Amino acid sequence: MKIRTFLCGAVLLLTGCSLNQNSRIENPILSIEGGQVQGVVLDSANVIVYRGVPYAAPPVGDLRWKRPQPVKAWDTLMIADTFSDAAMQRIRNPKDGNYGTEFHFLNNDPKYSEDCLYLNVWAPAGAPGKPEKKLPVAMWVHGGAYSGGWGFETEMDGVAWAQRDVILVTINYRLSGFGFLNYPELSAEDPDGVSGNYGLLDQIAALKCIRKNIESFGGDPENITVFGQSAGGASIRNLCLSPMSKDLIARAIIQSGGGLSDLISTDAKSQTELDAAMKEKLDGMGLTTLAALRALPADTLYKAMGKLGWGRGISFAPHQDGVVLKQSFEEATYSGTIANIPYMIGYTADDMGDMSKPILNFAAVRDSVSHMPTYCYLFDRKLPDDGRPCLKGAFHSSELWFVFHTLGRSWRPFTEADFRLSDEMVDAWTNFAKYGNPNGKKDGAWTPATRENPYVHSFNIKE
């Protein structure tokens, strides 16, 4: 676990010390699970950010392919001023004309490491150290086909959310073969006889850590919204499905994660079948024991397992193991056993496919089995470009610049109308986190989708 520390004097430990000595914004020292932590004051934004806070022990050595373990305590004050390493994954090409060009054009990829179980918190100044504030909280789960991404990518930031009095938390979790490896010896050593859902267990551990510690940051542990996009959206479906997490969530937003469809679904093969298939493939590579797999350096293991193919093709994704996931999202929706909370669900106009039918089907079923509302949306803004090779239209992930209000970080020639659209969307997302209603305290133009009224709210620029 990599922690930057700073030891204040005894008097400062009692009164709180600040990285910004000339700042008038109070920057208190917080006591959380593991030790004391202090964030960084963003004076111009009136926000305090905490970067790289551990939520579990580093999953290295004997903890590789183990359920996330409690954080290791630290003795000195942690100054949370640096983002952590990201999970093991491939390096992107910032000139590939695709997502490398879109989100990695600054060559800003972090270091990749197994030691990746950290989170980041953005809170409005005046909230940390004051549990009585009880501000709403949102936990973001990044996408990336369960094989890439991290919680502090260029397009992700919590300032606009914190300025609207919502505490935003973003997380990293184990990916690909490090996060979703099925293997007979792993199942044999597990108390429940299962293996492979480590990345999802990381997300659950982060959610539980937030519940346990967020009051120190001024948040309400009973009011946590989970939201994510693509594989992150599918992760939100899993969090609302799992018996380990569904009762910990107040609201959920699913972005481009499908609805009642198998677009991004969990594998229904048996644990035994998945384990046997993986062992056969690894045996063929000369990796015949768990001890041999755990002994490999992370880079060597990544390259070796990369030959198997990353993503769902080799089941490097969540699966129904009977413990963490007992049903499919579709089955649980029809039976009414997913989290009984308000949902917001949508997609982009040029997404991976037309998600309108499965999304509206989800809303219709929820209308039949629950009194909780489901709000549906379509992001229909075709992003402007300057002629360089790039993704076109309202492509998969294009809404992220708007949801986090980070258009100023993009190379794209966004207009003032785009910034207004971003404000509208951040308002809707944070209103939903606050009230379970994207309109705010009162009903408005955006009505819930029902069987009789399958309303889909459109987001586009208004010149």
Protein backbone atom coordinates (compact mmCIF):
# COMPACT_ATOMS: atom_id res chain seq x y z
CA MET A 1 0.00 0.00 0.00
CA LYS A 2 1.53 3.31 -1.09
CA ILE A 3 0.67 6.17 1.28
CA ARG A 4 2.14 9.65 1.37
CA THR A 5 2.34 10.85 4.95
CA PHE A 6 2.92 14.12 6.72
CA LEU A 7 3.49 14.44 10.48
CA CYS A 8 1.97 17.53 12.06
CA GLY A 9 2.96 18.80 15.49
CA ALA A 10 0.92 17.90 18.55
CA VAL A 11 -0.95 21.19 18.58
CA LEU A 12 -1.81 20.94 14.90
CA LEU A 13 -3.07 17.41 15.34
CA LEU A 14 -5.56 18.77 17.83
CA THR A 15 -6.64 21.76 15.81
CA GLY A 16 -6.17 20.52 12.23
CA CYS A 17 -3.47 21.56 9.81
CA SER A 18 -3.78 22.59 6.20
CA LEU A 19 -1.77 22.04 3.07
CA ASN A 20 -2.87 25.52 2.01
CA GLN A 21 -1.42 27.58 4.82
CA ASN A 22 -2.79 30.80 3.33
CA SER A 23 -6.21 29.32 2.68
CA ARG A 24 -9.19 30.49 4.68
CA ILE A 25 -10.99 27.22 4.05
CA GLU A 26 -10.86 24.86 7.00
CA ASN A 27 -9.14 21.60 6.10
CA PRO A 28 -9.70 19.32 9.09
CA ILE A 29 -7.89 16.09 9.86
CA LEU A 30 -10.31 13.20 9.62
CA SER A 31 -10.22 9.92 11.49
CA ILE A 32 -11.29 7.02 9.28
CA GLU A 33 -10.78 3.28 9.22
CA GLY A 34 -7.02 2.81 9.08
CA GLY A 35 -5.86 6.15 10.43
CA GLN A 36 -5.96 9.90 9.96
CA VAL A 37 -6.29 11.60 6.60
CA GLN A 38 -6.29 15.13 5.26
CA GLY A 39 -7.29 16.29 1.82
CA VAL A 40 -6.29 19.10 -0.52
CA VAL A 41 -8.24 22.37 -0.63
CA LEU A 42 -9.22 23.52 -4.12
CA ASP A 43 -9.65 27.16 -3.16
CA SER A 44 -11.18 28.47 -6.36
CA ALA A 45 -13.74 25.66 -6.36
CA ASN A 46 -14.50 25.73 -2.61
CA VAL A 47 -14.00 21.96 -2.60
CA ILE A 48 -11.74 19.55 -0.73
CA VAL A 49 -10.47 16.48 -2.59
CA TYR A 50 -9.01 13.33 -1.05
CA ARG A 51 -6.96 11.35 -3.57
CA GLY A 52 -5.79 7.79 -3.21
CA VAL A 53 -7.46 6.71 0.04
CA PRO A 54 -7.18 2.92 0.55
CA TYR A 55 -10.39 0.97 1.04
CA ALA A 56 -8.82 -2.51 1.28
CA ALA A 57 -5.41 -4.10 1.73
CA PRO A 58 -3.24 -4.36 -1.39
CA PRO A 59 -4.29 -7.58 -3.21
CA VAL A 60 -0.72 -8.73 -3.77
CA GLY A 61 1.30 -11.82 -2.88
CA ASP A 62 -0.88 -14.33 -1.05
CA LEU A 63 -3.82 -11.91 -1.42
CA ARG A 64 -3.76 -12.13 -5.21
CA TRP A 65 -7.17 -13.62 -6.12
CA LYS A 66 -8.49 -13.35 -2.58
CA ARG A 67 -11.55 -11.46 -1.41
CA PRO A 68 -10.61 -7.87 -0.49
CA GLN A 69 -9.18 -7.69 3.03
CA PRO A 70 -9.45 -4.82 5.57
CA VAL A 71 -7.18 -1.81 5.06
CA LYS A 72 -3.80 -1.87 6.71
CA ALA A 73 -3.55 0.81 9.40
CA TRP A 74 -1.10 3.70 9.05
CA ASP A 75 0.53 5.52 11.98
CA THR A 76 1.20 9.00 10.62
CA LEU A 77 -1.15 11.49 9.01
CA MET A 78 -1.93 10.62 5.39
CA ILE A 79 -1.96 13.60 3.08
CA ALA A 80 -4.30 12.44 0.33
CA ASP A 81 -2.86 14.57 -2.45
CA THR A 82 -1.94 11.93 -5.05
CA PHE A 83 -4.07 9.56 -7.09
CA SER A 84 -3.15 5.90 -6.70
CA ASP A 85 -1.93 3.49 -9.32
CA ALA A 86 -4.62 2.11 -11.61
CA ALA A 87 -5.39 -1.60 -11.97
CA MET A 88 -3.29 -3.72 -14.34
CA GLN A 89 -4.31 -3.11 -17.97
CA ARG A 90 -2.97 -2.25 -21.40
CA ILE A 91 -1.52 1.15 -22.25
CA ARG A 92 -3.68 3.18 -24.64
CA ASN A 93 -2.51 4.90 -27.80
CA PRO A 94 -3.47 8.60 -27.63
CA LYS A 95 -3.49 8.77 -31.44
CA ASP A 96 -5.57 5.70 -32.26
CA GLY A 97 -8.61 7.69 -33.36
CA ASN A 98 -10.77 5.90 -30.80
CA TYR A 99 -10.85 6.03 -27.01
CA GLY A 100 -7.14 6.70 -26.83
CA THR A 101 -7.69 9.90 -28.78
CA GLU A 102 -10.83 10.73 -26.83
CA PHE A 103 -9.69 10.29 -23.23
CA HIS A 104 -5.92 9.67 -23.36
CA PHE A 105 -4.78 12.39 -25.72
CA LEU A 106 -2.63 14.00 -23.01
CA ASN A 107 -0.58 10.83 -22.42
CA ASN A 108 -1.91 10.96 -18.90
CA ASP A 109 -2.25 7.24 -18.18
CA PRO A 110 -1.18 6.50 -14.61
CA LYS A 111 1.11 3.73 -13.46
CA TYR A 112 -0.57 0.32 -13.50
CA SER A 113 -0.22 -1.97 -10.50
CA GLU A 114 -1.89 -4.77 -8.57
CA ASP A 115 -1.87 -2.36 -5.63
CA CYS A 116 -4.93 -0.49 -6.89
CA LEU A 117 -7.72 -0.66 -4.29
CA TYR A 118 -8.10 3.05 -3.59
CA LEU A 119 -10.87 5.61 -3.80
CA ASN A 120 -11.12 9.38 -4.22
CA VAL A 121 -13.51 11.77 -2.49
CA TRP A 122 -14.66 15.26 -3.50
CA ALA A 123 -16.58 17.13 -0.78
CA PRO A 124 -17.79 20.72 -0.52
CA ALA A 125 -15.63 22.79 1.82
CA GLY A 126 -17.28 22.97 5.20
CA ALA A 127 -18.57 19.40 5.12
CA PRO A 128 -15.53 17.28 6.13
CA GLY A 129 -15.30 16.82 9.88
CA LYS A 130 -18.99 17.57 10.32
CA PRO A 131 -21.04 14.35 10.43
CA GLU A 132 -24.18 16.35 11.09
CA LYS A 133 -24.11 17.67 7.50
CA LYS A 134 -25.40 14.32 6.17
CA LEU A 135 -24.92 15.26 2.53
CA PRO A 136 -25.98 12.82 -0.20
CA VAL A 137 -23.21 10.62 -1.55
CA ALA A 138 -22.58 9.15 -5.01
CA MET A 139 -20.18 6.29 -5.81
CA TRP A 140 -18.94 6.12 -9.41
CA VAL A 141 -17.86 2.84 -11.02
CA HIS A 142 -15.86 3.31 -14.22
CA GLY A 143 -16.34 1.32 -17.40
CA GLY A 144 -13.84 -0.34 -19.69
CA ALA A 145 -15.14 -3.85 -20.49
CA TYR A 146 -13.96 -5.04 -17.06
CA SER A 147 -10.44 -4.83 -18.49
CA GLY A 148 -9.52 -1.13 -18.48
CA GLY A 149 -10.12 2.25 -16.89
CA TRP A 150 -9.74 3.86 -13.51
CA GLY A 151 -11.66 6.20 -11.23
CA PHE A 152 -9.79 9.40 -12.04
CA GLU A 153 -9.63 9.39 -15.83
CA THR A 154 -9.30 12.74 -17.62
CA GLU A 155 -13.05 13.07 -18.10
CA MET A 156 -13.90 12.24 -14.46
CA ASP A 157 -13.91 14.83 -11.68
CA GLY A 158 -16.06 15.57 -8.65
CA VAL A 159 -15.83 19.35 -8.36
CA ALA A 160 -19.13 20.12 -10.12
CA TRP A 161 -20.88 17.52 -7.98
CA ALA A 162 -19.42 18.80 -4.71
CA GLN A 163 -20.39 22.36 -5.68
CA ARG A 164 -23.97 21.06 -5.81
CA ASP A 165 -23.62 19.59 -2.29
CA VAL A 166 -23.21 15.96 -3.33
CA ILE A 167 -20.10 14.11 -2.14
CA LEU A 168 -18.65 12.18 -5.07
CA VAL A 169 -16.52 9.07 -4.56
CA THR A 170 -14.75 7.30 -7.43
CA ILE A 171 -13.08 3.91 -7.09
CA ASN A 172 -10.60 1.54 -8.70
CA TYR A 173 -11.15 -2.22 -8.71
CA ARG A 174 -9.27 -5.26 -10.01
CA LEU A 175 -9.70 -5.87 -13.73
CA SER A 176 -9.42 -8.70 -16.25
CA GLY A 177 -7.52 -11.77 -15.08
CA PHE A 178 -6.56 -10.08 -11.82
CA GLY A 179 -10.18 -9.35 -10.97
CA PHE A 180 -12.15 -12.17 -12.58
CA LEU A 181 -10.09 -15.36 -12.73
CA ASN A 182 -11.92 -18.66 -12.20
CA TYR A 183 -9.69 -21.53 -11.17
CA PRO A 184 -10.25 -24.86 -9.38
CA GLU A 185 -7.67 -24.26 -6.63
CA LEU A 186 -9.09 -20.78 -6.00
CA SER A 187 -12.59 -22.20 -5.59
CA ALA A 188 -11.23 -24.94 -3.30
CA GLU A 189 -9.58 -22.44 -0.94
CA ASP A 190 -12.62 -20.14 -0.81
CA PRO A 191 -14.99 -20.70 2.16
CA ASP A 192 -17.97 -20.74 -0.21
CA GLY A 193 -16.26 -22.80 -2.89
CA VAL A 194 -16.33 -20.09 -5.57
CA SER A 195 -13.85 -17.92 -7.43
CA GLY A 196 -13.70 -15.23 -10.06
CA ASN A 197 -15.80 -12.31 -8.82
CA TYR A 198 -12.95 -10.43 -7.12
CA GLY A 199 -13.46 -7.19 -9.04
CA LEU A 200 -17.14 -7.13 -8.05
CA LEU A 201 -16.19 -7.94 -4.45
CA ASP A 202 -13.83 -4.96 -4.60
CA GLN A 203 -16.73 -2.71 -5.60
CA ILE A 204 -18.79 -4.09 -2.71
CA ALA A 205 -15.88 -3.54 -0.31
CA ALA A 206 -15.58 0.07 -1.51
CA LEU A 207 -19.31 0.60 -0.97
CA LYS A 208 -19.06 -0.80 2.55
CA CYS A 209 -16.01 1.36 3.26
CA ILE A 210 -17.94 4.43 2.13
CA ARG A 211 -20.87 3.49 4.36
CA LYS A 212 -18.50 3.07 7.29
CA ASN A 213 -16.48 6.26 6.87
CA ILE A 214 -18.43 8.83 4.87
CA GLU A 215 -19.83 10.61 7.92
CA SER A 216 -16.30 11.88 8.62
CA PHE A 217 -16.46 13.64 5.23
CA GLY A 218 -19.92 15.09 6.00
CA GLY A 219 -21.88 12.45 4.10
CA ASP A 220 -24.97 10.40 4.86
CA PRO A 221 -24.25 6.64 4.86
CA GLU A 222 -27.97 5.96 4.38
CA ASN A 223 -28.13 8.03 1.19
CA ILE A 224 -25.65 6.56 -1.29
CA THR A 225 -26.34 6.57 -5.01
CA VAL A 226 -24.29 4.18 -7.14
CA PHE A 227 -23.74 5.01 -10.79
CA GLY A 228 -21.56 3.85 -13.63
CA GLN A 229 -21.24 3.59 -17.40
CA SER A 230 -20.72 0.65 -19.79
CA ALA A 231 -19.13 -2.14 -17.72
CA GLY A 232 -19.57 0.32 -14.87
CA GLY A 233 -23.28 0.46 -15.66
CA ALA A 234 -23.37 -3.34 -15.71
CA SER A 235 -21.55 -3.23 -12.37
CA ILE A 236 -24.36 -1.08 -10.99
CA ARG A 237 -26.84 -3.73 -12.11
CA ASN A 238 -24.75 -6.32 -10.24
CA LEU A 239 -24.52 -4.18 -7.10
CA CYS A 240 -28.31 -3.79 -7.13
CA LEU A 241 -28.62 -7.54 -7.62
CA SER A 242 -26.08 -8.95 -5.16
CA PRO A 243 -27.34 -9.93 -1.69
CA MET A 244 -24.05 -8.53 -0.38
CA SER A 245 -24.75 -4.98 -1.53
CA LYS A 246 -28.31 -4.31 -2.68
CA ASP A 247 -29.52 -3.21 0.76
CA LEU A 248 -26.70 -0.64 1.05
CA ILE A 249 -27.89 1.46 -1.89
CA ALA A 250 -30.41 4.31 -1.89
CA ARG A 251 -30.52 5.04 -5.65
CA ALA A 252 -28.90 3.80 -8.86
CA ILE A 253 -27.98 5.28 -12.26
CA ILE A 254 -27.18 2.87 -15.11
CA GLN A 255 -25.47 4.52 -18.10
CA SER A 256 -25.13 2.46 -21.29
CA GLY A 257 -25.28 -0.74 -19.27
CA GLY A 258 -28.32 -2.20 -20.97
CA GLY A 259 -31.71 -2.86 -19.44
CA LEU A 260 -33.51 -6.18 -19.74
CA SER A 261 -31.04 -7.59 -22.25
CA ASP A 262 -27.89 -9.67 -22.44
CA LEU A 263 -25.86 -6.79 -23.88
CA ILE A 264 -23.62 -6.76 -20.80
CA SER A 265 -24.73 -9.72 -18.72
CA THR A 266 -23.26 -12.14 -16.22
CA ASP A 267 -22.09 -15.57 -17.32
CA ALA A 268 -24.58 -18.28 -16.31
CA LYS A 269 -22.16 -21.23 -16.68
CA SER A 270 -21.53 -23.24 -13.53
CA GLN A 271 -18.50 -22.54 -11.34
CA THR A 272 -17.17 -26.03 -12.06
CA GLU A 273 -17.51 -25.56 -15.81
CA LEU A 274 -15.79 -22.17 -15.74
CA ASP A 275 -12.98 -23.46 -13.50
CA ALA A 276 -12.32 -26.48 -15.72
CA ALA A 277 -12.21 -24.41 -18.91
CA MET A 278 -9.75 -21.95 -17.40
CA LYS A 279 -7.48 -24.68 -16.03
CA GLU A 280 -7.35 -26.39 -19.40
CA LYS A 281 -6.23 -23.17 -21.07
CA LEU A 282 -3.64 -22.31 -18.41
CA ASP A 283 -2.29 -25.87 -18.34
CA GLY A 284 -1.71 -25.54 -22.07
CA MET A 285 0.53 -22.56 -21.33
CA GLY A 286 2.53 -24.45 -18.72
CA LEU A 287 0.87 -22.67 -15.80
CA THR A 288 -0.40 -25.76 -13.99
CA THR A 289 -0.77 -24.72 -10.32
CA LEU A 290 -2.09 -21.83 -8.28
CA ALA A 291 1.32 -21.50 -6.61
CA ALA A 292 2.93 -20.99 -10.00
CA LEU A 293 0.34 -18.37 -10.94
CA ARG A 294 0.76 -16.45 -7.69
CA ALA A 295 4.56 -16.55 -8.00
CA LEU A 296 4.59 -14.71 -11.32
CA PRO A 297 5.37 -10.96 -11.26
CA ALA A 298 2.31 -8.90 -12.16
CA ASP A 299 3.70 -7.76 -15.54
CA THR A 300 4.65 -11.30 -16.52
CA LEU A 301 1.26 -12.63 -15.46
CA TYR A 302 -0.53 -9.91 -17.39
CA LYS A 303 1.35 -10.75 -20.57
CA ALA A 304 0.84 -14.49 -20.11
CA MET A 305 -2.88 -14.26 -19.45
CA GLY A 306 -3.26 -11.65 -22.16
CA LYS A 307 -2.61 -14.45 -24.64
CA LEU A 308 -5.94 -15.93 -23.54
CA GLY A 309 -7.76 -12.78 -24.59
CA TRP A 310 -9.17 -10.14 -22.29
CA GLY A 311 -12.80 -9.32 -21.62
CA ARG A 312 -15.82 -11.61 -21.58
CA GLY A 313 -14.42 -13.97 -24.20
CA ILE A 314 -12.61 -15.90 -21.49
CA SER A 315 -15.11 -15.04 -18.75
CA PHE A 316 -12.93 -12.29 -17.28
CA ALA A 317 -16.14 -10.68 -16.04
CA PRO A 318 -18.67 -11.21 -13.22
CA HIS A 319 -20.55 -14.49 -13.25
CA GLN A 320 -23.39 -16.12 -11.33
CA ASP A 321 -21.55 -18.04 -8.62
CA GLY A 322 -24.50 -18.62 -6.28
CA VAL A 323 -22.94 -16.44 -3.59
CA VAL A 324 -22.09 -12.95 -4.85
CA LEU A 325 -24.56 -13.24 -7.73
CA LYS A 326 -27.41 -15.72 -7.45
CA GLN A 327 -29.55 -14.66 -10.42
CA SER A 328 -29.32 -12.70 -13.61
CA PHE A 329 -30.38 -9.07 -13.52
CA GLU A 330 -33.26 -9.91 -15.83
CA GLU A 331 -34.57 -12.70 -13.56
CA ALA A 332 -34.27 -10.53 -10.46
CA THR A 333 -36.04 -7.60 -12.12
CA TYR A 334 -39.06 -9.72 -13.04
CA SER A 335 -39.17 -11.30 -9.57
CA GLY A 336 -38.78 -7.94 -7.85
CA THR A 337 -35.67 -9.02 -5.96
CA ILE A 338 -33.27 -6.32 -7.18
CA ALA A 339 -32.82 -3.32 -4.89
CA ASN A 340 -36.21 -1.67 -4.52
CA ILE A 341 -35.05 1.89 -5.12
CA PRO A 342 -35.46 4.68 -7.70
CA TYR A 343 -33.52 4.06 -10.93
CA MET A 344 -32.22 6.30 -13.67
CA ILE A 345 -31.23 4.44 -16.83
CA GLY A 346 -30.23 5.53 -20.32
CA TYR A 347 -27.89 5.39 -23.28
CA THR A 348 -26.40 7.47 -26.09
CA ALA A 349 -27.85 7.85 -29.57
CA ASP A 350 -24.87 6.14 -31.25
CA ASP A 351 -24.23 3.63 -28.49
CA MET A 352 -23.06 0.00 -28.84
CA GLY A 353 -26.58 -0.79 -29.97
CA ASP A 354 -30.15 0.44 -29.69
CA MET A 355 -30.89 0.09 -25.99
CA SER A 356 -34.30 1.77 -26.11
CA LYS A 357 -36.39 -1.41 -26.01
CA PRO A 358 -34.52 -3.20 -23.17
CA ILE A 359 -34.41 0.02 -21.15
CA LEU A 360 -38.12 0.73 -21.55
CA ASN A 361 -38.85 -2.94 -20.83
CA PHE A 362 -36.95 -2.54 -17.57
CA ALA A 363 -39.01 0.54 -16.70
CA ALA A 364 -42.26 -1.25 -17.55
CA VAL A 365 -41.43 -4.26 -15.38
CA ARG A 366 -40.37 -2.01 -12.50
CA ASP A 367 -43.69 -0.19 -12.86
CA SER A 368 -45.44 -3.56 -12.48
CA VAL A 369 -43.56 -4.81 -9.42
CA SER A 370 -42.64 -1.62 -7.53
CA HIS A 371 -43.92 1.81 -6.63
CA MET A 372 -40.41 3.25 -7.01
CA PRO A 373 -39.89 5.41 -10.14
CA THR A 374 -37.65 4.66 -13.11
CA TYR A 375 -36.39 7.63 -15.14
CA CYS A 376 -35.13 6.95 -18.68
CA TYR A 377 -32.93 9.19 -20.83
CA LEU A 378 -31.25 9.45 -24.23
CA PHE A 379 -28.05 11.47 -24.74
CA ASP A 380 -28.48 12.78 -28.28
CA ARG A 381 -25.71 15.38 -28.66
CA LYS A 382 -23.39 14.48 -31.53
CA LEU A 383 -20.03 15.71 -30.32
CA PRO A 384 -18.25 18.34 -32.42
CA ASP A 385 -14.75 17.65 -33.72
CA ASP A 386 -11.94 19.44 -35.56
CA GLY A 387 -11.45 16.95 -38.38
CA ARG A 388 -8.87 14.69 -36.75
CA PRO A 389 -9.49 10.91 -36.71
CA CYS A 390 -11.81 10.37 -33.78
CA LEU A 391 -15.04 8.82 -32.57
CA LYS A 392 -18.10 10.37 -34.18
CA GLY A 393 -21.59 11.29 -33.07
CA ALA A 394 -23.16 10.60 -29.67
CA PHE A 395 -20.89 7.59 -29.30
CA HIS A 396 -20.61 5.16 -26.39
CA SER A 397 -19.10 7.15 -23.46
CA SER A 398 -19.60 10.55 -25.10
CA GLU A 399 -21.83 11.75 -22.26
CA LEU A 400 -19.05 11.45 -19.68
CA TRP A 401 -17.62 14.89 -20.47
CA PHE A 402 -21.08 16.29 -19.67
CA VAL A 403 -21.91 14.23 -16.57
CA PHE A 404 -18.71 15.36 -14.84
CA HIS A 405 -18.68 18.87 -16.35
CA THR A 406 -15.15 18.42 -17.68
CA LEU A 407 -15.62 19.68 -21.23
CA GLY A 408 -12.76 22.13 -20.68
CA ARG A 409 -10.33 19.21 -20.52
CA SER A 410 -11.26 17.93 -23.97
CA TRP A 411 -9.67 18.87 -27.29
CA ARG A 412 -13.13 19.04 -28.86
CA PRO A 413 -14.49 22.47 -29.88
CA PHE A 414 -17.39 22.49 -27.45
CA THR A 415 -19.70 25.50 -27.55
CA GLU A 416 -21.38 27.53 -24.83
CA ALA A 417 -24.50 25.47 -25.56
CA ASP A 418 -22.53 22.33 -24.65
CA PHE A 419 -21.56 23.82 -21.32
CA ARG A 420 -25.19 24.69 -20.63
CA LEU A 421 -26.18 21.13 -21.52
CA SER A 422 -23.53 19.85 -19.12
CA ASP A 423 -24.93 22.05 -16.34
CA GLU A 424 -28.39 20.66 -17.08
CA MET A 425 -27.13 17.10 -16.87
CA VAL A 426 -25.09 17.56 -13.70
CA ASP A 427 -28.15 19.19 -12.14
CA ALA A 428 -30.28 16.17 -13.12
CA TRP A 429 -27.74 13.61 -11.87
CA THR A 430 -27.15 15.39 -8.55
CA ASN A 431 -30.87 16.09 -8.05
CA PHE A 432 -31.46 12.37 -8.46
CA ALA A 433 -28.78 11.66 -5.85
CA LYS A 434 -30.42 14.12 -3.48
CA TYR A 435 -34.11 13.41 -3.99
CA GLY A 436 -34.51 10.34 -6.21
CA ASN A 437 -35.95 12.76 -8.78
CA PRO A 438 -33.81 14.39 -11.54
CA ASN A 439 -36.13 17.41 -11.55
CA GLY A 440 -35.29 18.30 -7.97
CA LYS A 441 -37.60 18.60 -4.99
CA LYS A 442 -40.70 18.80 -7.17
CA ASP A 443 -41.90 16.94 -10.25
CA GLY A 444 -41.03 18.55 -13.55
CA ALA A 445 -40.71 17.91 -17.27
CA TRP A 446 -38.86 14.63 -16.75
CA THR A 447 -41.51 12.10 -15.75
CA PRO A 448 -40.92 8.47 -14.75
CA ALA A 449 -41.26 5.88 -17.52
CA THR A 450 -44.24 3.58 -16.96
CA ARG A 451 -46.14 0.95 -18.92
CA GLU A 452 -48.69 3.54 -20.05
CA ASN A 453 -46.22 6.40 -20.50
CA PRO A 454 -42.80 5.15 -21.73
CA TYR A 455 -41.20 8.59 -21.45
CA VAL A 456 -37.55 9.03 -22.41
CA HIS A 457 -35.92 12.37 -21.59
CA SER A 458 -33.64 13.65 -24.35
CA PHE A 459 -30.42 15.57 -23.75
CA ASN A 460 -29.19 17.72 -26.64
CA ILE A 461 -27.92 21.24 -27.10
CA LYS A 462 -30.31 24.15 -27.39
CA GLU A 463 -28.74 26.92 -29.45
